[in-house]
Protein backbone atom coordinates (compact mmCIF):
# COMPACT_ATOMS: atom_id res chain seq x y z
CA MET A 1 90.90 106.86 -33.45
CA ALA A 2 89.31 105.31 -30.74
CA ALA A 3 90.35 106.62 -27.21
CA ARG A 4 92.12 104.01 -24.99
CA GLU A 5 90.71 103.07 -21.69
CA ILE A 6 92.70 103.98 -18.96
CA GLY A 7 92.68 100.97 -16.39
CA THR A 8 91.59 101.19 -12.53
CA VAL A 9 94.14 101.76 -9.94
CA GLY A 10 94.03 98.74 -7.72
CA LEU A 11 93.62 99.27 -3.63
CA SER A 12 97.36 98.83 -2.90
CA ASP A 13 98.33 101.51 -5.43
CA ALA A 14 95.76 103.75 -4.40
CA LEU A 15 97.29 103.63 -0.74
CA ALA A 16 100.61 104.48 -2.11
CA LEU A 17 99.32 107.23 -3.81
CA ALA A 18 97.31 108.52 -0.78
CA LEU A 19 100.68 108.14 1.07
CA LEU A 20 102.33 110.27 -1.68
CA ILE A 21 99.64 112.80 -1.20
CA ALA A 22 100.15 112.78 2.59
CA GLU A 23 103.90 113.77 2.11
CA GLN A 24 103.83 116.30 -0.67
CA ALA A 25 100.30 117.91 0.45
CA PRO A 26 99.38 117.47 3.26
CA THR A 27 96.13 119.53 3.52
CA ARG A 28 94.70 117.36 1.03
CA TRP A 29 95.91 113.76 3.27
CA PRO A 30 92.37 113.90 5.04
CA ARG A 31 90.30 113.67 1.67
CA ALA A 32 92.79 111.41 0.38
CA ALA A 33 92.87 108.97 3.71
CA ALA A 34 88.46 108.65 3.69
CA ARG A 35 88.90 108.02 -0.17
CA TRP A 36 90.97 105.25 0.63
CA HIS A 37 88.85 104.04 3.24
CA ALA A 38 85.71 104.10 1.14
CA ARG A 39 87.36 101.74 -1.51
CA PHE A 40 89.00 99.54 1.29
CA VAL A 41 85.60 98.93 2.83
CA LEU A 42 83.67 98.43 -0.86
CA ALA A 43 86.27 95.84 -1.05
CA ALA A 44 85.99 94.28 1.76
CA LYS A 45 82.82 92.07 1.37
CA GLY A 46 81.08 91.43 4.57
CA ILE A 47 83.07 94.16 6.55
CA GLU A 48 81.84 94.76 10.13
CA VAL A 49 81.31 98.22 11.23
CA GLU A 50 83.79 98.03 14.10
CA ASN A 51 86.25 96.49 11.33
CA SER A 52 85.68 99.48 9.12
CA ALA A 53 86.33 102.12 11.68
CA LEU A 54 89.78 100.31 12.78
CA ALA A 55 90.59 100.36 8.89
CA LEU A 56 90.37 103.97 8.98
CA GLN A 57 92.01 104.68 12.39
CA LEU A 58 94.92 102.70 10.59
CA VAL A 59 95.07 104.37 7.52
CA ASN A 60 94.97 108.01 9.09
CA ALA A 61 97.74 106.43 11.60
CA LEU A 62 99.69 105.99 8.52
CA GLY A 63 99.61 109.94 8.03
CA GLY A 64 101.31 110.40 11.63
CA LYS A 65 104.31 108.96 13.88
CA ASP A 66 103.52 105.48 14.41
CA VAL A 67 103.40 104.58 10.78
CA GLU A 68 104.81 100.70 10.76
CA SER A 69 102.36 99.48 13.55
CA ALA A 70 99.81 101.12 11.42
CA TRP A 71 100.84 99.54 8.07
CA GLN A 72 101.08 95.99 9.81
CA MET A 73 97.53 96.27 11.07
CA LEU A 74 96.30 97.40 8.50
CA ARG A 75 97.42 94.57 5.99
CA LEU A 76 96.60 92.09 8.86
CA LEU A 77 92.95 93.51 8.45
CA ALA A 78 93.18 93.49 5.11
CA GLY A 79 93.97 90.07 4.88
CA ARG A 80 91.19 88.95 7.07
CA TYR A 81 89.13 90.12 3.85
CA GLY A 82 91.18 88.54 1.00
CA LEU A 83 92.78 91.72 0.46
CA THR A 84 96.50 92.45 -0.23
CA LEU A 85 98.41 95.37 0.47
């Protein structure tokens, strides 16, 4: 029997997973946020260093208190690069 290939997790689902990690295993949040940021930067073709830094700040803020504002700004930034969150 051939092994079944597991599909890749999309950027939006990866963010949902990272946020679940923030909720359930807060000590793992920094690594999950950094990994998601790396995926975002790779997906956002042509992203400038300033917007990469902004994305990192915003995803980090999702693990804090001002979640709604960070979420809205991150969605806008993603849209700038043709990405959907």
